[in-house]
PDBML (XML) file of the C-alpha atoms, coordinates in Angstrom:
<?xml version="1.0" encoding="UTF-8" ?>
<PDBx:datablock datablockName="MODEL"
   xmlns:PDBx="http://pdbml.pdb.org/schema/pdbx-v50.xsd"
   xmlns:xsi="http://www.w3.org/2001/XMLSchema-instance"
   xsi:schemaLocation="http://pdbml.pdb.org/schema/pdbx-v50.xsd pdbx-v50.xsd">
   <PDBx:atom_siteCategory>
      <PDBx:atom_site id="1">
         <PDBx:B_iso_or_equiv>0.00</PDBx:B_iso_or_equiv>
         <PDBx:Cartn_x>-6.670</PDBx:Cartn_x>
         <PDBx:Cartn_y>14.933</PDBx:Cartn_y>
         <PDBx:Cartn_z>7.624</PDBx:Cartn_z>
         <PDBx:auth_asym_id>A</PDBx:auth_asym_id>
         <PDBx:auth_atom_id>CA</PDBx:auth_atom_id>
         <PDBx:auth_comp_id>LEU</PDBx:auth_comp_id>
         <PDBx:auth_seq_id>1</PDBx:auth_seq_id>
         <PDBx:group_PDB>ATOM</PDBx:group_PDB>
         <PDBx:label_alt_id xsi:nil="true" />
         <PDBx:label_asym_id>A</PDBx:label_asym_id>
         <PDBx:label_atom_id>CA</PDBx:label_atom_id>
         <PDBx:label_comp_id>LEU</PDBx:label_comp_id>
         <PDBx:label_entity_id>1</PDBx:label_entity_id>
         <PDBx:label_seq_id>1</PDBx:label_seq_id>
         <PDBx:occupancy>1.00</PDBx:occupancy>
         <PDBx:pdbx_PDB_model_num>1</PDBx:pdbx_PDB_model_num>
         <PDBx:type_symbol>C</PDBx:type_symbol>
      </PDBx:atom_site>
      <PDBx:atom_site id="2">
         <PDBx:B_iso_or_equiv>0.00</PDBx:B_iso_or_equiv>
         <PDBx:Cartn_x>-5.891</PDBx:Cartn_x>
         <PDBx:Cartn_y>12.760</PDBx:Cartn_y>
         <PDBx:Cartn_z>10.647</PDBx:Cartn_z>
         <PDBx:auth_asym_id>A</PDBx:auth_asym_id>
         <PDBx:auth_atom_id>CA</PDBx:auth_atom_id>
         <PDBx:auth_comp_id>ALA</PDBx:auth_comp_id>
         <PDBx:auth_seq_id>2</PDBx:auth_seq_id>
         <PDBx:group_PDB>ATOM</PDBx:group_PDB>
         <PDBx:label_alt_id xsi:nil="true" />
         <PDBx:label_asym_id>A</PDBx:label_asym_id>
         <PDBx:label_atom_id>CA</PDBx:label_atom_id>
         <PDBx:label_comp_id>ALA</PDBx:label_comp_id>
         <PDBx:label_entity_id>1</PDBx:label_entity_id>
         <PDBx:label_seq_id>2</PDBx:label_seq_id>
         <PDBx:occupancy>1.00</PDBx:occupancy>
         <PDBx:pdbx_PDB_model_num>1</PDBx:pdbx_PDB_model_num>
         <PDBx:type_symbol>C</PDBx:type_symbol>
      </PDBx:atom_site>
      <PDBx:atom_site id="3">
         <PDBx:B_iso_or_equiv>0.00</PDBx:B_iso_or_equiv>
         <PDBx:Cartn_x>-8.016</PDBx:Cartn_x>
         <PDBx:Cartn_y>9.961</PDBx:Cartn_y>
         <PDBx:Cartn_z>9.170</PDBx:Cartn_z>
         <PDBx:auth_asym_id>A</PDBx:auth_asym_id>
         <PDBx:auth_atom_id>CA</PDBx:auth_atom_id>
         <PDBx:auth_comp_id>ALA</PDBx:auth_comp_id>
         <PDBx:auth_seq_id>3</PDBx:auth_seq_id>
         <PDBx:group_PDB>ATOM</PDBx:group_PDB>
         <PDBx:label_alt_id xsi:nil="true" />
         <PDBx:label_asym_id>A</PDBx:label_asym_id>
         <PDBx:label_atom_id>CA</PDBx:label_atom_id>
         <PDBx:label_comp_id>ALA</PDBx:label_comp_id>
         <PDBx:label_entity_id>1</PDBx:label_entity_id>
         <PDBx:label_seq_id>3</PDBx:label_seq_id>
         <PDBx:occupancy>1.00</PDBx:occupancy>
         <PDBx:pdbx_PDB_model_num>1</PDBx:pdbx_PDB_model_num>
         <PDBx:type_symbol>C</PDBx:type_symbol>
      </PDBx:atom_site>
      <PDBx:atom_site id="4">
         <PDBx:B_iso_or_equiv>0.00</PDBx:B_iso_or_equiv>
         <PDBx:Cartn_x>-6.256</PDBx:Cartn_x>
         <PDBx:Cartn_y>10.294</PDBx:Cartn_y>
         <PDBx:Cartn_z>5.809</PDBx:Cartn_z>
         <PDBx:auth_asym_id>A</PDBx:auth_asym_id>
         <PDBx:auth_atom_id>CA</PDBx:auth_atom_id>
         <PDBx:auth_comp_id>LEU</PDBx:auth_comp_id>
         <PDBx:auth_seq_id>4</PDBx:auth_seq_id>
         <PDBx:group_PDB>ATOM</PDBx:group_PDB>
         <PDBx:label_alt_id xsi:nil="true" />
         <PDBx:label_asym_id>A</PDBx:label_asym_id>
         <PDBx:label_atom_id>CA</PDBx:label_atom_id>
         <PDBx:label_comp_id>LEU</PDBx:label_comp_id>
         <PDBx:label_entity_id>1</PDBx:label_entity_id>
         <PDBx:label_seq_id>4</PDBx:label_seq_id>
         <PDBx:occupancy>1.00</PDBx:occupancy>
         <PDBx:pdbx_PDB_model_num>1</PDBx:pdbx_PDB_model_num>
         <PDBx:type_symbol>C</PDBx:type_symbol>
      </PDBx:atom_site>
      <PDBx:atom_site id="5">
         <PDBx:B_iso_or_equiv>0.00</PDBx:B_iso_or_equiv>
         <PDBx:Cartn_x>-2.835</PDBx:Cartn_x>
         <PDBx:Cartn_y>10.126</PDBx:Cartn_y>
         <PDBx:Cartn_z>7.467</PDBx:Cartn_z>
         <PDBx:auth_asym_id>A</PDBx:auth_asym_id>
         <PDBx:auth_atom_id>CA</PDBx:auth_atom_id>
         <PDBx:auth_comp_id>LEU</PDBx:auth_comp_id>
         <PDBx:auth_seq_id>5</PDBx:auth_seq_id>
         <PDBx:group_PDB>ATOM</PDBx:group_PDB>
         <PDBx:label_alt_id xsi:nil="true" />
         <PDBx:label_asym_id>A</PDBx:label_asym_id>
         <PDBx:label_atom_id>CA</PDBx:label_atom_id>
         <PDBx:label_comp_id>LEU</PDBx:label_comp_id>
         <PDBx:label_entity_id>1</PDBx:label_entity_id>
         <PDBx:label_seq_id>5</PDBx:label_seq_id>
         <PDBx:occupancy>1.00</PDBx:occupancy>
         <PDBx:pdbx_PDB_model_num>1</PDBx:pdbx_PDB_model_num>
         <PDBx:type_symbol>C</PDBx:type_symbol>
      </PDBx:atom_site>
      <PDBx:atom_site id="6">
         <PDBx:B_iso_or_equiv>0.00</PDBx:B_iso_or_equiv>
         <PDBx:Cartn_x>-3.973</PDBx:Cartn_x>
         <PDBx:Cartn_y>7.072</PDBx:Cartn_y>
         <PDBx:Cartn_z>9.426</PDBx:Cartn_z>
         <PDBx:auth_asym_id>A</PDBx:auth_asym_id>
         <PDBx:auth_atom_id>CA</PDBx:auth_atom_id>
         <PDBx:auth_comp_id>SER</PDBx:auth_comp_id>
         <PDBx:auth_seq_id>6</PDBx:auth_seq_id>
         <PDBx:group_PDB>ATOM</PDBx:group_PDB>
         <PDBx:label_alt_id xsi:nil="true" />
         <PDBx:label_asym_id>A</PDBx:label_asym_id>
         <PDBx:label_atom_id>CA</PDBx:label_atom_id>
         <PDBx:label_comp_id>SER</PDBx:label_comp_id>
         <PDBx:label_entity_id>1</PDBx:label_entity_id>
         <PDBx:label_seq_id>6</PDBx:label_seq_id>
         <PDBx:occupancy>1.00</PDBx:occupancy>
         <PDBx:pdbx_PDB_model_num>1</PDBx:pdbx_PDB_model_num>
         <PDBx:type_symbol>C</PDBx:type_symbol>
      </PDBx:atom_site>
      <PDBx:atom_site id="7">
         <PDBx:B_iso_or_equiv>0.00</PDBx:B_iso_or_equiv>
         <PDBx:Cartn_x>-5.051</PDBx:Cartn_x>
         <PDBx:Cartn_y>5.362</PDBx:Cartn_y>
         <PDBx:Cartn_z>6.207</PDBx:Cartn_z>
         <PDBx:auth_asym_id>A</PDBx:auth_asym_id>
         <PDBx:auth_atom_id>CA</PDBx:auth_atom_id>
         <PDBx:auth_comp_id>ALA</PDBx:auth_comp_id>
         <PDBx:auth_seq_id>7</PDBx:auth_seq_id>
         <PDBx:group_PDB>ATOM</PDBx:group_PDB>
         <PDBx:label_alt_id xsi:nil="true" />
         <PDBx:label_asym_id>A</PDBx:label_asym_id>
         <PDBx:label_atom_id>CA</PDBx:label_atom_id>
         <PDBx:label_comp_id>ALA</PDBx:label_comp_id>
         <PDBx:label_entity_id>1</PDBx:label_entity_id>
         <PDBx:label_seq_id>7</PDBx:label_seq_id>
         <PDBx:occupancy>1.00</PDBx:occupancy>
         <PDBx:pdbx_PDB_model_num>1</PDBx:pdbx_PDB_model_num>
         <PDBx:type_symbol>C</PDBx:type_symbol>
      </PDBx:atom_site>
      <PDBx:atom_site id="8">
         <PDBx:B_iso_or_equiv>0.00</PDBx:B_iso_or_equiv>
         <PDBx:Cartn_x>-1.728</PDBx:Cartn_x>
         <PDBx:Cartn_y>6.269</PDBx:Cartn_y>
         <PDBx:Cartn_z>4.601</PDBx:Cartn_z>
         <PDBx:auth_asym_id>A</PDBx:auth_asym_id>
         <PDBx:auth_atom_id>CA</PDBx:auth_atom_id>
         <PDBx:auth_comp_id>THR</PDBx:auth_comp_id>
         <PDBx:auth_seq_id>8</PDBx:auth_seq_id>
         <PDBx:group_PDB>ATOM</PDBx:group_PDB>
         <PDBx:label_alt_id xsi:nil="true" />
         <PDBx:label_asym_id>A</PDBx:label_asym_id>
         <PDBx:label_atom_id>CA</PDBx:label_atom_id>
         <PDBx:label_comp_id>THR</PDBx:label_comp_id>
         <PDBx:label_entity_id>1</PDBx:label_entity_id>
         <PDBx:label_seq_id>8</PDBx:label_seq_id>
         <PDBx:occupancy>1.00</PDBx:occupancy>
         <PDBx:pdbx_PDB_model_num>1</PDBx:pdbx_PDB_model_num>
         <PDBx:type_symbol>C</PDBx:type_symbol>
      </PDBx:atom_site>
      <PDBx:atom_site id="9">
         <PDBx:B_iso_or_equiv>0.00</PDBx:B_iso_or_equiv>
         <PDBx:Cartn_x>0.064</PDBx:Cartn_x>
         <PDBx:Cartn_y>4.755</PDBx:Cartn_y>
         <PDBx:Cartn_z>7.593</PDBx:Cartn_z>
         <PDBx:auth_asym_id>A</PDBx:auth_asym_id>
         <PDBx:auth_atom_id>CA</PDBx:auth_atom_id>
         <PDBx:auth_comp_id>GLY</PDBx:auth_comp_id>
         <PDBx:auth_seq_id>9</PDBx:auth_seq_id>
         <PDBx:group_PDB>ATOM</PDBx:group_PDB>
         <PDBx:label_alt_id xsi:nil="true" />
         <PDBx:label_asym_id>A</PDBx:label_asym_id>
         <PDBx:label_atom_id>CA</PDBx:label_atom_id>
         <PDBx:label_comp_id>GLY</PDBx:label_comp_id>
         <PDBx:label_entity_id>1</PDBx:label_entity_id>
         <PDBx:label_seq_id>9</PDBx:label_seq_id>
         <PDBx:occupancy>1.00</PDBx:occupancy>
         <PDBx:pdbx_PDB_model_num>1</PDBx:pdbx_PDB_model_num>
         <PDBx:type_symbol>C</PDBx:type_symbol>
      </PDBx:atom_site>
      <PDBx:atom_site id="10">
         <PDBx:B_iso_or_equiv>0.00</PDBx:B_iso_or_equiv>
         <PDBx:Cartn_x>-1.791</PDBx:Cartn_x>
         <PDBx:Cartn_y>1.460</PDBx:Cartn_y>
         <PDBx:Cartn_z>7.048</PDBx:Cartn_z>
         <PDBx:auth_asym_id>A</PDBx:auth_asym_id>
         <PDBx:auth_atom_id>CA</PDBx:auth_atom_id>
         <PDBx:auth_comp_id>VAL</PDBx:auth_comp_id>
         <PDBx:auth_seq_id>10</PDBx:auth_seq_id>
         <PDBx:group_PDB>ATOM</PDBx:group_PDB>
         <PDBx:label_alt_id xsi:nil="true" />
         <PDBx:label_asym_id>A</PDBx:label_asym_id>
         <PDBx:label_atom_id>CA</PDBx:label_atom_id>
         <PDBx:label_comp_id>VAL</PDBx:label_comp_id>
         <PDBx:label_entity_id>1</PDBx:label_entity_id>
         <PDBx:label_seq_id>10</PDBx:label_seq_id>
         <PDBx:occupancy>1.00</PDBx:occupancy>
         <PDBx:pdbx_PDB_model_num>1</PDBx:pdbx_PDB_model_num>
         <PDBx:type_symbol>C</PDBx:type_symbol>
      </PDBx:atom_site>
      <PDBx:atom_site id="11">
         <PDBx:B_iso_or_equiv>0.00</PDBx:B_iso_or_equiv>
         <PDBx:Cartn_x>-0.845</PDBx:Cartn_x>
         <PDBx:Cartn_y>1.532</PDBx:Cartn_y>
         <PDBx:Cartn_z>3.352</PDBx:Cartn_z>
         <PDBx:auth_asym_id>A</PDBx:auth_asym_id>
         <PDBx:auth_atom_id>CA</PDBx:auth_atom_id>
         <PDBx:auth_comp_id>ALA</PDBx:auth_comp_id>
         <PDBx:auth_seq_id>11</PDBx:auth_seq_id>
         <PDBx:group_PDB>ATOM</PDBx:group_PDB>
         <PDBx:label_alt_id xsi:nil="true" />
         <PDBx:label_asym_id>A</PDBx:label_asym_id>
         <PDBx:label_atom_id>CA</PDBx:label_atom_id>
         <PDBx:label_comp_id>ALA</PDBx:label_comp_id>
         <PDBx:label_entity_id>1</PDBx:label_entity_id>
         <PDBx:label_seq_id>11</PDBx:label_seq_id>
         <PDBx:occupancy>1.00</PDBx:occupancy>
         <PDBx:pdbx_PDB_model_num>1</PDBx:pdbx_PDB_model_num>
         <PDBx:type_symbol>C</PDBx:type_symbol>
      </PDBx:atom_site>
      <PDBx:atom_site id="12">
         <PDBx:B_iso_or_equiv>0.00</PDBx:B_iso_or_equiv>
         <PDBx:Cartn_x>2.803</PDBx:Cartn_x>
         <PDBx:Cartn_y>2.007</PDBx:Cartn_y>
         <PDBx:Cartn_z>4.300</PDBx:Cartn_z>
         <PDBx:auth_asym_id>A</PDBx:auth_asym_id>
         <PDBx:auth_atom_id>CA</PDBx:auth_atom_id>
         <PDBx:auth_comp_id>ILE</PDBx:auth_comp_id>
         <PDBx:auth_seq_id>12</PDBx:auth_seq_id>
         <PDBx:group_PDB>ATOM</PDBx:group_PDB>
         <PDBx:label_alt_id xsi:nil="true" />
         <PDBx:label_asym_id>A</PDBx:label_asym_id>
         <PDBx:label_atom_id>CA</PDBx:label_atom_id>
         <PDBx:label_comp_id>ILE</PDBx:label_comp_id>
         <PDBx:label_entity_id>1</PDBx:label_entity_id>
         <PDBx:label_seq_id>12</PDBx:label_seq_id>
         <PDBx:occupancy>1.00</PDBx:occupancy>
         <PDBx:pdbx_PDB_model_num>1</PDBx:pdbx_PDB_model_num>
         <PDBx:type_symbol>C</PDBx:type_symbol>
      </PDBx:atom_site>
      <PDBx:atom_site id="13">
         <PDBx:B_iso_or_equiv>0.00</PDBx:B_iso_or_equiv>
         <PDBx:Cartn_x>2.533</PDBx:Cartn_x>
         <PDBx:Cartn_y>-0.968</PDBx:Cartn_y>
         <PDBx:Cartn_z>6.661</PDBx:Cartn_z>
         <PDBx:auth_asym_id>A</PDBx:auth_asym_id>
         <PDBx:auth_atom_id>CA</PDBx:auth_atom_id>
         <PDBx:auth_comp_id>ALA</PDBx:auth_comp_id>
         <PDBx:auth_seq_id>13</PDBx:auth_seq_id>
         <PDBx:group_PDB>ATOM</PDBx:group_PDB>
         <PDBx:label_alt_id xsi:nil="true" />
         <PDBx:label_asym_id>A</PDBx:label_asym_id>
         <PDBx:label_atom_id>CA</PDBx:label_atom_id>
         <PDBx:label_comp_id>ALA</PDBx:label_comp_id>
         <PDBx:label_entity_id>1</PDBx:label_entity_id>
         <PDBx:label_seq_id>13</PDBx:label_seq_id>
         <PDBx:occupancy>1.00</PDBx:occupancy>
         <PDBx:pdbx_PDB_model_num>1</PDBx:pdbx_PDB_model_num>
         <PDBx:type_symbol>C</PDBx:type_symbol>
      </PDBx:atom_site>
      <PDBx:atom_site id="14">
         <PDBx:B_iso_or_equiv>0.00</PDBx:B_iso_or_equiv>
         <PDBx:Cartn_x>1.236</PDBx:Cartn_x>
         <PDBx:Cartn_y>-3.115</PDBx:Cartn_y>
         <PDBx:Cartn_z>3.792</PDBx:Cartn_z>
         <PDBx:auth_asym_id>A</PDBx:auth_asym_id>
         <PDBx:auth_atom_id>CA</PDBx:auth_atom_id>
         <PDBx:auth_comp_id>ILE</PDBx:auth_comp_id>
         <PDBx:auth_seq_id>14</PDBx:auth_seq_id>
         <PDBx:group_PDB>ATOM</PDBx:group_PDB>
         <PDBx:label_alt_id xsi:nil="true" />
         <PDBx:label_asym_id>A</PDBx:label_asym_id>
         <PDBx:label_atom_id>CA</PDBx:label_atom_id>
         <PDBx:label_comp_id>ILE</PDBx:label_comp_id>
         <PDBx:label_entity_id>1</PDBx:label_entity_id>
         <PDBx:label_seq_id>14</PDBx:label_seq_id>
         <PDBx:occupancy>1.00</PDBx:occupancy>
         <PDBx:pdbx_PDB_model_num>1</PDBx:pdbx_PDB_model_num>
         <PDBx:type_symbol>C</PDBx:type_symbol>
      </PDBx:atom_site>
      <PDBx:atom_site id="15">
         <PDBx:B_iso_or_equiv>0.00</PDBx:B_iso_or_equiv>
         <PDBx:Cartn_x>4.149</PDBx:Cartn_x>
         <PDBx:Cartn_y>-2.023</PDBx:Cartn_y>
         <PDBx:Cartn_z>1.603</PDBx:Cartn_z>
         <PDBx:auth_asym_id>A</PDBx:auth_asym_id>
         <PDBx:auth_atom_id>CA</PDBx:auth_atom_id>
         <PDBx:auth_comp_id>VAL</PDBx:auth_comp_id>
         <PDBx:auth_seq_id>15</PDBx:auth_seq_id>
         <PDBx:group_PDB>ATOM</PDBx:group_PDB>
         <PDBx:label_alt_id xsi:nil="true" />
         <PDBx:label_asym_id>A</PDBx:label_asym_id>
         <PDBx:label_atom_id>CA</PDBx:label_atom_id>
         <PDBx:label_comp_id>VAL</PDBx:label_comp_id>
         <PDBx:label_entity_id>1</PDBx:label_entity_id>
         <PDBx:label_seq_id>15</PDBx:label_seq_id>
         <PDBx:occupancy>1.00</PDBx:occupancy>
         <PDBx:pdbx_PDB_model_num>1</PDBx:pdbx_PDB_model_num>
         <PDBx:type_symbol>C</PDBx:type_symbol>
      </PDBx:atom_site>
      <PDBx:atom_site id="16">
         <PDBx:B_iso_or_equiv>0.00</PDBx:B_iso_or_equiv>
         <PDBx:Cartn_x>6.641</PDBx:Cartn_x>
         <PDBx:Cartn_y>-2.822</PDBx:Cartn_y>
         <PDBx:Cartn_z>4.376</PDBx:Cartn_z>
         <PDBx:auth_asym_id>A</PDBx:auth_asym_id>
         <PDBx:auth_atom_id>CA</PDBx:auth_atom_id>
         <PDBx:auth_comp_id>GLN</PDBx:auth_comp_id>
         <PDBx:auth_seq_id>16</PDBx:auth_seq_id>
         <PDBx:group_PDB>ATOM</PDBx:group_PDB>
         <PDBx:label_alt_id xsi:nil="true" />
         <PDBx:label_asym_id>A</PDBx:label_asym_id>
         <PDBx:label_atom_id>CA</PDBx:label_atom_id>
         <PDBx:label_comp_id>GLN</PDBx:label_comp_id>
         <PDBx:label_entity_id>1</PDBx:label_entity_id>
         <PDBx:label_seq_id>16</PDBx:label_seq_id>
         <PDBx:occupancy>1.00</PDBx:occupancy>
         <PDBx:pdbx_PDB_model_num>1</PDBx:pdbx_PDB_model_num>
         <PDBx:type_symbol>C</PDBx:type_symbol>
      </PDBx:atom_site>
      <PDBx:atom_site id="17">
         <PDBx:B_iso_or_equiv>0.00</PDBx:B_iso_or_equiv>
         <PDBx:Cartn_x>5.046</PDBx:Cartn_x>
         <PDBx:Cartn_y>-6.238</PDBx:Cartn_y>
         <PDBx:Cartn_z>4.802</PDBx:Cartn_z>
         <PDBx:auth_asym_id>A</PDBx:auth_asym_id>
         <PDBx:auth_atom_id>CA</PDBx:auth_atom_id>
         <PDBx:auth_comp_id>LEU</PDBx:auth_comp_id>
         <PDBx:auth_seq_id>17</PDBx:auth_seq_id>
         <PDBx:group_PDB>ATOM</PDBx:group_PDB>
         <PDBx:label_alt_id xsi:nil="true" />
         <PDBx:label_asym_id>A</PDBx:label_asym_id>
         <PDBx:label_atom_id>CA</PDBx:label_atom_id>
         <PDBx:label_comp_id>LEU</PDBx:label_comp_id>
         <PDBx:label_entity_id>1</PDBx:label_entity_id>
         <PDBx:label_seq_id>17</PDBx:label_seq_id>
         <PDBx:occupancy>1.00</PDBx:occupancy>
         <PDBx:pdbx_PDB_model_num>1</PDBx:pdbx_PDB_model_num>
         <PDBx:type_symbol>C</PDBx:type_symbol>
      </PDBx:atom_site>
      <PDBx:atom_site id="18">
         <PDBx:B_iso_or_equiv>0.00</PDBx:B_iso_or_equiv>
         <PDBx:Cartn_x>5.057</PDBx:Cartn_x>
         <PDBx:Cartn_y>-6.967</PDBx:Cartn_y>
         <PDBx:Cartn_z>1.069</PDBx:Cartn_z>
         <PDBx:auth_asym_id>A</PDBx:auth_asym_id>
         <PDBx:auth_atom_id>CA</PDBx:auth_atom_id>
         <PDBx:auth_comp_id>ALA</PDBx:auth_comp_id>
         <PDBx:auth_seq_id>18</PDBx:auth_seq_id>
         <PDBx:group_PDB>ATOM</PDBx:group_PDB>
         <PDBx:label_alt_id xsi:nil="true" />
         <PDBx:label_asym_id>A</PDBx:label_asym_id>
         <PDBx:label_atom_id>CA</PDBx:label_atom_id>
         <PDBx:label_comp_id>ALA</PDBx:label_comp_id>
         <PDBx:label_entity_id>1</PDBx:label_entity_id>
         <PDBx:label_seq_id>18</PDBx:label_seq_id>
         <PDBx:occupancy>1.00</PDBx:occupancy>
         <PDBx:pdbx_PDB_model_num>1</PDBx:pdbx_PDB_model_num>
         <PDBx:type_symbol>C</PDBx:type_symbol>
      </PDBx:atom_site>
      <PDBx:atom_site id="19">
         <PDBx:B_iso_or_equiv>0.00</PDBx:B_iso_or_equiv>
         <PDBx:Cartn_x>8.779</PDBx:Cartn_x>
         <PDBx:Cartn_y>-6.357</PDBx:Cartn_y>
         <PDBx:Cartn_z>0.723</PDBx:Cartn_z>
         <PDBx:auth_asym_id>A</PDBx:auth_asym_id>
         <PDBx:auth_atom_id>CA</PDBx:auth_atom_id>
         <PDBx:auth_comp_id>GLU</PDBx:auth_comp_id>
         <PDBx:auth_seq_id>19</PDBx:auth_seq_id>
         <PDBx:group_PDB>ATOM</PDBx:group_PDB>
         <PDBx:label_alt_id xsi:nil="true" />
         <PDBx:label_asym_id>A</PDBx:label_asym_id>
         <PDBx:label_atom_id>CA</PDBx:label_atom_id>
         <PDBx:label_comp_id>GLU</PDBx:label_comp_id>
         <PDBx:label_entity_id>1</PDBx:label_entity_id>
         <PDBx:label_seq_id>19</PDBx:label_seq_id>
         <PDBx:occupancy>1.00</PDBx:occupancy>
         <PDBx:pdbx_PDB_model_num>1</PDBx:pdbx_PDB_model_num>
         <PDBx:type_symbol>C</PDBx:type_symbol>
      </PDBx:atom_site>
      <PDBx:atom_site id="20">
         <PDBx:B_iso_or_equiv>0.00</PDBx:B_iso_or_equiv>
         <PDBx:Cartn_x>9.941</PDBx:Cartn_x>
         <PDBx:Cartn_y>-9.417</PDBx:Cartn_y>
         <PDBx:Cartn_z>2.758</PDBx:Cartn_z>
         <PDBx:auth_asym_id>A</PDBx:auth_asym_id>
         <PDBx:auth_atom_id>CA</PDBx:auth_atom_id>
         <PDBx:auth_comp_id>PRO</PDBx:auth_comp_id>
         <PDBx:auth_seq_id>20</PDBx:auth_seq_id>
         <PDBx:group_PDB>ATOM</PDBx:group_PDB>
         <PDBx:label_alt_id xsi:nil="true" />
         <PDBx:label_asym_id>A</PDBx:label_asym_id>
         <PDBx:label_atom_id>CA</PDBx:label_atom_id>
         <PDBx:label_comp_id>PRO</PDBx:label_comp_id>
         <PDBx:label_entity_id>1</PDBx:label_entity_id>
         <PDBx:label_seq_id>20</PDBx:label_seq_id>
         <PDBx:occupancy>1.00</PDBx:occupancy>
         <PDBx:pdbx_PDB_model_num>1</PDBx:pdbx_PDB_model_num>
         <PDBx:type_symbol>C</PDBx:type_symbol>
      </PDBx:atom_site>
      <PDBx:atom_site id="21">
         <PDBx:B_iso_or_equiv>0.00</PDBx:B_iso_or_equiv>
         <PDBx:Cartn_x>7.508</PDBx:Cartn_x>
         <PDBx:Cartn_y>-11.647</PDBx:Cartn_y>
         <PDBx:Cartn_z>0.829</PDBx:Cartn_z>
         <PDBx:auth_asym_id>A</PDBx:auth_asym_id>
         <PDBx:auth_atom_id>CA</PDBx:auth_atom_id>
         <PDBx:auth_comp_id>VAL</PDBx:auth_comp_id>
         <PDBx:auth_seq_id>21</PDBx:auth_seq_id>
         <PDBx:group_PDB>ATOM</PDBx:group_PDB>
         <PDBx:label_alt_id xsi:nil="true" />
         <PDBx:label_asym_id>A</PDBx:label_asym_id>
         <PDBx:label_atom_id>CA</PDBx:label_atom_id>
         <PDBx:label_comp_id>VAL</PDBx:label_comp_id>
         <PDBx:label_entity_id>1</PDBx:label_entity_id>
         <PDBx:label_seq_id>21</PDBx:label_seq_id>
         <PDBx:occupancy>1.00</PDBx:occupancy>
         <PDBx:pdbx_PDB_model_num>1</PDBx:pdbx_PDB_model_num>
         <PDBx:type_symbol>C</PDBx:type_symbol>
      </PDBx:atom_site>
      <PDBx:atom_site id="22">
         <PDBx:B_iso_or_equiv>0.00</PDBx:B_iso_or_equiv>
         <PDBx:Cartn_x>8.768</PDBx:Cartn_x>
         <PDBx:Cartn_y>-10.330</PDBx:Cartn_y>
         <PDBx:Cartn_z>-2.513</PDBx:Cartn_z>
         <PDBx:auth_asym_id>A</PDBx:auth_asym_id>
         <PDBx:auth_atom_id>CA</PDBx:auth_atom_id>
         <PDBx:auth_comp_id>LEU</PDBx:auth_comp_id>
         <PDBx:auth_seq_id>22</PDBx:auth_seq_id>
         <PDBx:group_PDB>ATOM</PDBx:group_PDB>
         <PDBx:label_alt_id xsi:nil="true" />
         <PDBx:label_asym_id>A</PDBx:label_asym_id>
         <PDBx:label_atom_id>CA</PDBx:label_atom_id>
         <PDBx:label_comp_id>LEU</PDBx:label_comp_id>
         <PDBx:label_entity_id>1</PDBx:label_entity_id>
         <PDBx:label_seq_id>22</PDBx:label_seq_id>
         <PDBx:occupancy>1.00</PDBx:occupancy>
         <PDBx:pdbx_PDB_model_num>1</PDBx:pdbx_PDB_model_num>
         <PDBx:type_symbol>C</PDBx:type_symbol>
      </PDBx:atom_site>
      <PDBx:atom_site id="23">
         <PDBx:B_iso_or_equiv>0.00</PDBx:B_iso_or_equiv>
         <PDBx:Cartn_x>12.372</PDBx:Cartn_x>
         <PDBx:Cartn_y>-10.628</PDBx:Cartn_y>
         <PDBx:Cartn_z>-1.349</PDBx:Cartn_z>
         <PDBx:auth_asym_id>A</PDBx:auth_asym_id>
         <PDBx:auth_atom_id>CA</PDBx:auth_atom_id>
         <PDBx:auth_comp_id>PHE</PDBx:auth_comp_id>
         <PDBx:auth_seq_id>23</PDBx:auth_seq_id>
         <PDBx:group_PDB>ATOM</PDBx:group_PDB>
         <PDBx:label_alt_id xsi:nil="true" />
         <PDBx:label_asym_id>A</PDBx:label_asym_id>
         <PDBx:label_atom_id>CA</PDBx:label_atom_id>
         <PDBx:label_comp_id>PHE</PDBx:label_comp_id>
         <PDBx:label_entity_id>1</PDBx:label_entity_id>
         <PDBx:label_seq_id>23</PDBx:label_seq_id>
         <PDBx:occupancy>1.00</PDBx:occupancy>
         <PDBx:pdbx_PDB_model_num>1</PDBx:pdbx_PDB_model_num>
         <PDBx:type_symbol>C</PDBx:type_symbol>
      </PDBx:atom_site>
      <PDBx:atom_site id="24">
         <PDBx:B_iso_or_equiv>0.00</PDBx:B_iso_or_equiv>
         <PDBx:Cartn_x>11.930</PDBx:Cartn_x>
         <PDBx:Cartn_y>-14.261</PDBx:Cartn_y>
         <PDBx:Cartn_z>-0.375</PDBx:Cartn_z>
         <PDBx:auth_asym_id>A</PDBx:auth_asym_id>
         <PDBx:auth_atom_id>CA</PDBx:auth_atom_id>
         <PDBx:auth_comp_id>GLY</PDBx:auth_comp_id>
         <PDBx:auth_seq_id>24</PDBx:auth_seq_id>
         <PDBx:group_PDB>ATOM</PDBx:group_PDB>
         <PDBx:label_alt_id xsi:nil="true" />
         <PDBx:label_asym_id>A</PDBx:label_asym_id>
         <PDBx:label_atom_id>CA</PDBx:label_atom_id>
         <PDBx:label_comp_id>GLY</PDBx:label_comp_id>
         <PDBx:label_entity_id>1</PDBx:label_entity_id>
         <PDBx:label_seq_id>24</PDBx:label_seq_id>
         <PDBx:occupancy>1.00</PDBx:occupancy>
         <PDBx:pdbx_PDB_model_num>1</PDBx:pdbx_PDB_model_num>
         <PDBx:type_symbol>C</PDBx:type_symbol>
      </PDBx:atom_site>
   </PDBx:atom_siteCategory>
</PDBx:datablock>
């Protein structure tokens, strides 16, 4: 479960990073 949550955290980071690129 900890590993799954860690992977989900990385996915969220990718989403957060994609938003500024899409915004620009």
